[in-house]
């Protein structure tokens, strides 16, 4: 990570565009000059800014079958997290697991067909089709967009229910407070500009509603020369870890008993003047035993294991429609 920070700061100061990928544990960050991504097997599409053909193609018939972990395994991890919360180690902890997937589509096809704000395909090993922004920087202003709260849009009065849910309200408030504090590490005049607004996410299974907020601050004029340092201070993303971050990260490793790798890391592009990045949720990887799709959600003292388990499964989808 030290080498990544130094290289990113140097390229930022020189105004040289680059793509970055930071894994959840910050052990294997990737940084590539933007014009070298394709030859390295890295393909991206960040809100329409892409190094691949974006012309629409017909959606083929496809299957997508899932094999979630047993509820008993999830509940064991859930109980460990809740015990830590009640002991005072955490206020909110993001708990995630991989789900086995069988599909007749390859990662390249899913990348090509899926629709999302942030898409990434790396060396045919993993891909991301994320709806969640991490940070954007434009004209010296940095903004982050925590996304917490998910509901099936087909549920009667779904919008009102998700906004009125006390558990979701507490979870969202905690993450907004955490990310407001995170931005204060790199910026001044940090404010919550928009609180708990609802966005719609589409997949072939139907629509989901997700709740986000926008927090912004003002960066120093020489921020480009410290862009790597800023990314280091802000990662891992609070919305996919929890609060307080250090002890919560330890709880995550204890409960999940595995490294997440690039899942729930962040990726983005510095274009020489600004930066746009996403959180690597909605993540699918190719393993020797087949495809795995990671998902999860935030756990609080008010969480119920059955509801959280079902939400984790609900998030296993591809945005192809």
Protein backbone atom coordinates (compact mmCIF):
# COMPACT_ATOMS: atom_id res chain seq x y z
CA UNK A 1 0.00 0.00 0.00
CA UNK A 2 2.90 2.37 0.69
CA UNK A 3 4.12 1.94 -2.88
CA UNK A 4 0.59 2.53 -4.19
CA UNK A 5 0.26 5.76 -2.19
CA UNK A 6 3.61 7.07 -3.41
CA UNK A 7 2.86 6.28 -7.06
CA UNK A 8 -0.67 7.73 -6.91
CA UNK A 9 0.60 10.93 -5.28
CA UNK A 10 3.28 11.28 -7.94
CA UNK A 11 0.89 10.71 -10.84
CA UNK A 12 -1.69 12.98 -9.25
CA UNK A 13 0.80 15.82 -8.88
CA UNK A 14 1.77 15.40 -12.55
CA UNK A 15 -1.87 15.25 -13.67
CA UNK A 16 -1.38 11.78 -15.21
CA UNK A 17 -4.68 9.85 -15.51
CA UNK A 18 -4.81 6.46 -13.81
CA UNK A 19 -7.18 3.71 -12.70
CA UNK A 20 -6.95 2.38 -9.16
CA UNK A 21 -8.31 -0.69 -7.40
CA UNK A 22 -7.94 -1.06 -3.61
CA UNK A 23 -8.88 -4.38 -2.02
CA UNK A 24 -10.79 -4.51 1.26
CA UNK A 25 -7.75 -5.55 3.32
CA UNK A 26 -5.49 -3.09 1.44
CA UNK A 27 -2.92 -5.79 0.73
CA UNK A 28 -3.00 -5.94 -3.09
CA UNK A 29 -3.86 -2.51 -4.50
CA UNK A 30 -3.64 -2.03 -8.27
CA UNK A 31 -2.71 1.18 -10.05
CA UNK A 32 -2.47 1.48 -13.83
CA UNK A 33 -1.96 4.39 -16.22
CA UNK A 34 -5.32 4.79 -17.89
CA UNK A 35 -4.02 4.15 -21.40
CA UNK A 36 -2.51 0.79 -20.33
CA UNK A 37 -5.63 -0.77 -18.79
CA UNK A 38 -6.77 -2.79 -21.80
CA UNK A 39 -3.38 -4.40 -22.35
CA UNK A 40 -3.42 -5.39 -18.67
CA UNK A 41 -6.85 -7.02 -19.01
CA UNK A 42 -8.67 -4.29 -17.09
CA UNK A 43 -11.98 -3.06 -18.54
CA UNK A 44 -14.07 -0.34 -16.95
CA UNK A 45 -17.25 1.65 -17.40
CA UNK A 46 -17.73 4.45 -14.89
CA UNK A 47 -20.98 6.28 -15.55
CA UNK A 48 -20.40 6.03 -19.30
CA UNK A 49 -16.66 6.76 -19.26
CA UNK A 50 -15.29 3.50 -20.59
CA UNK A 51 -12.57 1.67 -22.50
CA UNK A 52 -15.06 -0.78 -24.08
CA UNK A 53 -17.76 -0.62 -26.75
CA UNK A 54 -20.96 0.65 -25.13
CA UNK A 55 -23.39 0.00 -28.00
CA UNK A 56 -26.42 -1.97 -26.70
CA UNK A 57 -26.73 -5.63 -27.68
CA UNK A 58 -29.72 -8.00 -27.37
CA UNK A 59 -30.09 -9.79 -24.04
CA UNK A 60 -29.83 -13.56 -24.60
CA UNK A 61 -31.69 -16.25 -22.71
CA UNK A 62 -29.65 -17.06 -19.63
CA UNK A 63 -29.87 -18.95 -16.40
CA UNK A 64 -28.65 -17.79 -13.02
CA UNK A 65 -28.99 -20.27 -10.17
CA UNK A 66 -27.71 -19.54 -6.66
CA UNK A 67 -26.49 -21.69 -3.75
CA UNK A 68 -26.40 -19.52 -0.62
CA UNK A 69 -24.58 -20.63 2.51
CA UNK A 70 -26.67 -22.47 5.08
CA UNK A 71 -28.65 -20.28 7.44
CA UNK A 72 -26.94 -22.00 10.39
CA UNK A 73 -23.53 -20.75 9.21
CA UNK A 74 -24.88 -17.25 8.71
CA UNK A 75 -26.60 -17.23 12.09
CA UNK A 76 -23.38 -18.28 13.86
CA UNK A 77 -21.53 -15.30 12.36
CA UNK A 78 -24.51 -13.02 13.02
CA UNK A 79 -24.55 -13.96 16.71
CA UNK A 80 -20.84 -13.24 17.00
CA UNK A 81 -21.35 -9.79 15.47
CA UNK A 82 -24.32 -8.98 17.73
CA UNK A 83 -22.35 -10.09 20.80
CA UNK A 84 -19.58 -7.66 19.79
CA UNK A 85 -22.12 -4.88 19.34
CA UNK A 86 -23.68 -5.51 22.74
CA UNK A 87 -20.22 -5.60 24.31
CA UNK A 88 -19.58 -2.12 22.85
CA UNK A 89 -16.99 -3.10 20.22
CA UNK A 90 -19.12 -1.82 17.33
CA UNK A 91 -22.29 0.14 16.59
CA UNK A 92 -22.71 -1.26 13.09
CA UNK A 93 -20.92 -4.13 11.35
CA UNK A 94 -21.24 -5.19 7.72
CA UNK A 95 -21.50 -8.99 7.45
CA UNK A 96 -20.94 -10.67 4.06
CA UNK A 97 -20.65 -14.13 2.56
CA UNK A 98 -20.18 -15.64 -0.90
CA UNK A 99 -23.01 -17.40 -2.70
CA UNK A 100 -22.28 -20.10 -5.27
CA UNK A 101 -23.65 -19.29 -8.73
CA UNK A 102 -24.34 -21.41 -11.80
CA UNK A 103 -24.89 -19.54 -15.06
CA UNK A 104 -24.41 -20.07 -18.78
CA UNK A 105 -22.88 -16.59 -19.10
CA UNK A 106 -19.19 -15.78 -18.72
CA UNK A 107 -17.80 -12.79 -16.84
CA UNK A 108 -17.13 -10.93 -20.10
CA UNK A 109 -20.73 -11.44 -21.23
CA UNK A 110 -22.15 -10.32 -17.89
CA UNK A 111 -19.89 -7.27 -17.97
CA UNK A 112 -21.04 -6.45 -21.49
CA UNK A 113 -24.76 -6.95 -20.78
CA UNK A 114 -25.12 -5.53 -17.27
CA UNK A 115 -26.15 -1.96 -16.54
CA UNK A 116 -24.67 -0.18 -13.54
CA UNK A 117 -23.00 3.09 -12.56
CA UNK A 118 -19.67 1.38 -11.88
CA UNK A 119 -18.55 -1.66 -13.87
CA UNK A 120 -15.16 -3.35 -13.76
CA UNK A 121 -13.74 -6.55 -15.27
CA UNK A 122 -10.23 -7.62 -14.27
CA UNK A 123 -8.33 -10.28 -16.20
CA UNK A 124 -11.46 -12.45 -16.43
CA UNK A 125 -10.99 -13.15 -12.69
CA UNK A 126 -13.68 -10.94 -11.20
CA UNK A 127 -16.19 -8.31 -12.16
CA UNK A 128 -18.18 -5.58 -10.45
CA UNK A 129 -21.49 -3.98 -11.38
CA UNK A 130 -21.98 -1.60 -8.49
CA UNK A 131 -24.71 0.99 -7.94
CA UNK A 132 -22.80 2.65 -5.08
CA UNK A 133 -20.49 5.63 -5.47
CA UNK A 134 -17.50 5.89 -3.16
CA UNK A 135 -16.05 9.39 -3.63
CA UNK A 136 -16.25 11.94 -6.41
CA UNK A 137 -13.92 14.93 -6.68
CA UNK A 138 -14.75 17.88 -8.91
CA UNK A 139 -13.63 21.51 -8.70
CA UNK A 140 -11.95 20.95 -5.35
CA UNK A 141 -15.05 19.43 -3.73
CA UNK A 142 -15.10 15.82 -2.51
CA UNK A 143 -18.40 13.98 -2.08
CA UNK A 144 -19.28 10.52 -0.80
CA UNK A 145 -22.57 8.66 -1.12
CA UNK A 146 -23.22 6.00 1.55
CA UNK A 147 -25.90 3.50 0.52
CA UNK A 148 -27.70 1.75 3.38
CA UNK A 149 -31.19 0.27 3.28
CA UNK A 150 -32.60 -2.10 0.65
CA UNK A 151 -36.14 -3.28 -0.09
CA UNK A 152 -37.94 -5.06 -2.92
CA UNK A 153 -39.71 -2.34 -4.89
CA UNK A 154 -42.68 -4.69 -5.35
CA UNK A 155 -43.51 -4.64 -1.64
CA UNK A 156 -46.65 -2.52 -1.04
CA UNK A 157 -45.66 1.03 0.01
CA UNK A 158 -41.98 0.02 -0.28
CA UNK A 159 -40.61 3.57 -0.31
CA UNK A 160 -42.51 4.58 2.82
CA UNK A 161 -41.60 1.34 4.59
CA UNK A 162 -37.86 1.56 3.98
CA UNK A 163 -37.73 5.23 5.04
CA UNK A 164 -39.78 4.55 8.21
CA UNK A 165 -37.92 1.39 9.30
CA UNK A 166 -36.24 2.22 12.64
CA UNK A 167 -33.45 -0.33 12.22
CA UNK A 168 -32.61 1.03 8.74
CA UNK A 169 -32.77 4.61 10.03
CA UNK A 170 -30.28 3.83 12.80
CA UNK A 171 -27.97 1.98 10.42
CA UNK A 172 -28.00 4.79 7.88
CA UNK A 173 -27.42 7.48 10.53
CA UNK A 174 -24.40 5.58 11.87
CA UNK A 175 -22.80 5.27 8.43
CA UNK A 176 -23.45 8.91 7.55
CA UNK A 177 -21.79 9.96 10.81
CA UNK A 178 -18.81 7.65 10.13
CA UNK A 179 -18.29 8.93 6.58
CA UNK A 180 -18.72 12.54 7.68
CA UNK A 181 -15.86 11.93 10.11
CA UNK A 182 -13.84 10.17 7.39
CA UNK A 183 -14.17 13.15 5.03
CA UNK A 184 -12.99 15.43 7.83
CA UNK A 185 -9.64 13.60 7.63
CA UNK A 186 -9.02 15.05 4.16
CA UNK A 187 -11.40 18.00 3.76
CA UNK A 188 -12.87 21.04 5.50
CA UNK A 189 -16.41 22.44 5.62
CA UNK A 190 -17.87 18.92 5.56
CA UNK A 191 -21.67 18.87 5.42
CA UNK A 192 -24.47 16.38 4.81
CA UNK A 193 -25.99 17.90 1.67
CA UNK A 194 -28.79 15.36 1.15
CA UNK A 195 -30.00 12.83 3.70
CA UNK A 196 -31.73 9.49 2.99
CA UNK A 197 -32.97 9.76 -0.57
CA UNK A 198 -34.27 6.70 -2.46
CA UNK A 199 -32.76 5.31 -5.66
CA UNK A 200 -34.11 2.54 -7.88
CA UNK A 201 -31.95 -0.40 -9.01
CA UNK A 202 -33.13 -2.72 -11.80
CA UNK A 203 -32.36 -6.37 -12.56
CA UNK A 204 -33.98 -9.14 -14.55
CA UNK A 205 -35.70 -10.24 -11.31
CA UNK A 206 -37.32 -6.83 -10.79
CA UNK A 207 -36.59 -3.57 -9.02
CA UNK A 208 -34.96 -2.79 -5.69
CA UNK A 209 -35.10 0.46 -3.76
CA UNK A 210 -31.96 1.60 -1.97
CA UNK A 211 -31.44 4.53 0.39
CA UNK A 212 -28.45 6.88 0.01
CA UNK A 213 -27.13 10.20 1.34
CA UNK A 214 -24.65 12.76 -0.01
CA UNK A 215 -21.84 14.22 2.13
CA UNK A 216 -19.39 16.81 0.76
CA UNK A 217 -16.38 18.87 1.80
CA UNK A 218 -13.69 21.18 0.42
CA UNK A 219 -10.23 19.81 -0.38
CA UNK A 220 -6.94 21.77 -0.13
CA UNK A 221 -5.76 23.27 -3.41
CA UNK A 222 -2.88 20.77 -3.68
CA UNK A 223 -5.07 17.68 -3.21
CA UNK A 224 -3.86 16.08 -6.47
CA UNK A 225 -0.37 15.67 -5.00
CA UNK A 226 -1.93 13.78 -2.07
CA UNK A 227 -4.61 11.79 -3.87
CA UNK A 228 -3.04 8.44 -2.88
CA UNK A 229 -2.85 9.53 0.75
CA UNK A 230 -6.51 10.59 0.64
CA UNK A 231 -7.59 7.22 -0.75
CA UNK A 232 -5.63 5.44 1.96
CA UNK A 233 -7.25 7.51 4.72
CA UNK A 234 -10.75 6.92 3.36
CA UNK A 235 -10.51 3.16 2.86
CA UNK A 236 -11.95 0.69 3.49
CA UNK A 237 -15.30 2.29 2.75
CA UNK A 238 -17.35 2.79 5.90
CA UNK A 239 -20.59 1.59 4.29
CA UNK A 240 -19.13 -1.92 3.83
CA UNK A 241 -17.15 -2.13 7.06
CA UNK A 242 -18.85 -0.34 9.96
CA UNK A 243 -18.19 1.84 12.97
CA UNK A 244 -15.91 2.34 14.76
CA UNK A 245 -13.85 1.09 11.86
CA UNK A 246 -10.78 -0.52 13.50
CA UNK A 247 -12.51 -2.86 15.97
CA UNK A 248 -15.36 -3.47 13.54
CA UNK A 249 -12.85 -4.72 10.95
CA UNK A 250 -11.56 -7.20 13.53
CA UNK A 251 -15.12 -8.39 14.21
CA UNK A 252 -15.65 -8.91 10.48
CA UNK A 253 -12.56 -11.11 10.15
CA UNK A 254 -13.59 -13.11 13.23
CA UNK A 255 -17.14 -13.70 11.98
CA UNK A 256 -16.54 -14.25 8.27
CA UNK A 257 -13.37 -16.35 8.79
CA UNK A 258 -12.08 -15.41 5.33
CA UNK A 259 -10.47 -12.56 3.47
CA UNK A 260 -12.80 -10.63 1.18
CA UNK A 261 -10.07 -9.62 -1.25
CA UNK A 262 -11.33 -7.15 -3.83
CA UNK A 263 -14.97 -7.52 -2.79
CA UNK A 264 -16.07 -4.37 -0.90
CA UNK A 265 -12.87 -2.63 -1.95
CA UNK A 266 -13.05 0.49 -4.11
CA UNK A 267 -12.06 1.32 -7.67
CA UNK A 268 -12.09 4.43 -9.78
CA UNK A 269 -10.36 6.79 -12.14
CA UNK A 270 -8.32 9.94 -11.63
CA UNK A 271 -8.58 11.81 -14.94
CA UNK A 272 -5.96 14.47 -14.25
CA UNK A 273 -8.43 16.99 -12.85
CA UNK A 274 -11.00 15.05 -10.86
CA UNK A 275 -11.84 11.60 -9.58
CA UNK A 276 -14.81 9.24 -9.70
CA UNK A 277 -14.98 5.94 -7.83
CA UNK A 278 -17.34 3.21 -6.70
CA UNK A 279 -17.59 0.67 -3.89
CA UNK A 280 -17.03 -2.86 -5.18
CA UNK A 281 -20.34 -4.39 -4.14
CA UNK A 282 -22.37 -6.58 -6.54
CA UNK A 283 -19.20 -8.60 -7.03
CA UNK A 284 -18.75 -11.89 -8.88
CA UNK A 285 -15.54 -13.89 -9.15
CA UNK A 286 -14.33 -16.99 -10.92
CA UNK A 287 -12.79 -19.65 -8.67
CA UNK A 288 -11.52 -23.21 -9.31
CA UNK A 289 -14.84 -24.50 -7.92
CA UNK A 290 -17.03 -22.14 -9.99
CA UNK A 291 -18.50 -18.67 -9.73
CA UNK A 292 -18.99 -16.93 -6.39
CA UNK A 293 -21.12 -13.86 -5.79
CA UNK A 294 -20.49 -11.90 -2.60
CA UNK A 295 -23.20 -9.96 -0.76
CA UNK A 296 -24.25 -8.91 2.71
CA UNK A 297 -25.56 -6.06 4.82
CA UNK A 298 -25.19 -4.01 7.95
CA UNK A 299 -25.89 -5.54 11.36
CA UNK A 300 -27.06 -3.49 14.35
CA UNK A 301 -28.37 -4.41 17.78
CA UNK A 302 -31.89 -4.32 16.30
CA UNK A 303 -31.15 -6.69 13.42
CA UNK A 304 -32.91 -10.04 13.03
CA UNK A 305 -30.86 -12.89 11.53
CA UNK A 306 -33.64 -14.17 9.24
CA UNK A 307 -34.22 -10.71 7.73
CA UNK A 308 -30.51 -10.05 7.24
CA UNK A 309 -29.97 -13.49 5.68
CA UNK A 310 -32.82 -12.87 3.23
CA UNK A 311 -31.45 -9.43 2.36
CA UNK A 312 -28.05 -10.96 1.62
CA UNK A 313 -29.69 -13.43 -0.78
CA UNK A 314 -31.86 -10.70 -2.33
CA UNK A 315 -28.74 -8.80 -3.33
CA UNK A 316 -27.45 -11.70 -5.45
CA UNK A 317 -28.49 -10.55 -8.90
CA UNK A 318 -27.11 -9.30 -12.17
CA UNK A 319 -28.46 -5.99 -13.54
CA UNK A 320 -29.31 -7.40 -16.97
CA UNK A 321 -32.68 -6.29 -18.38
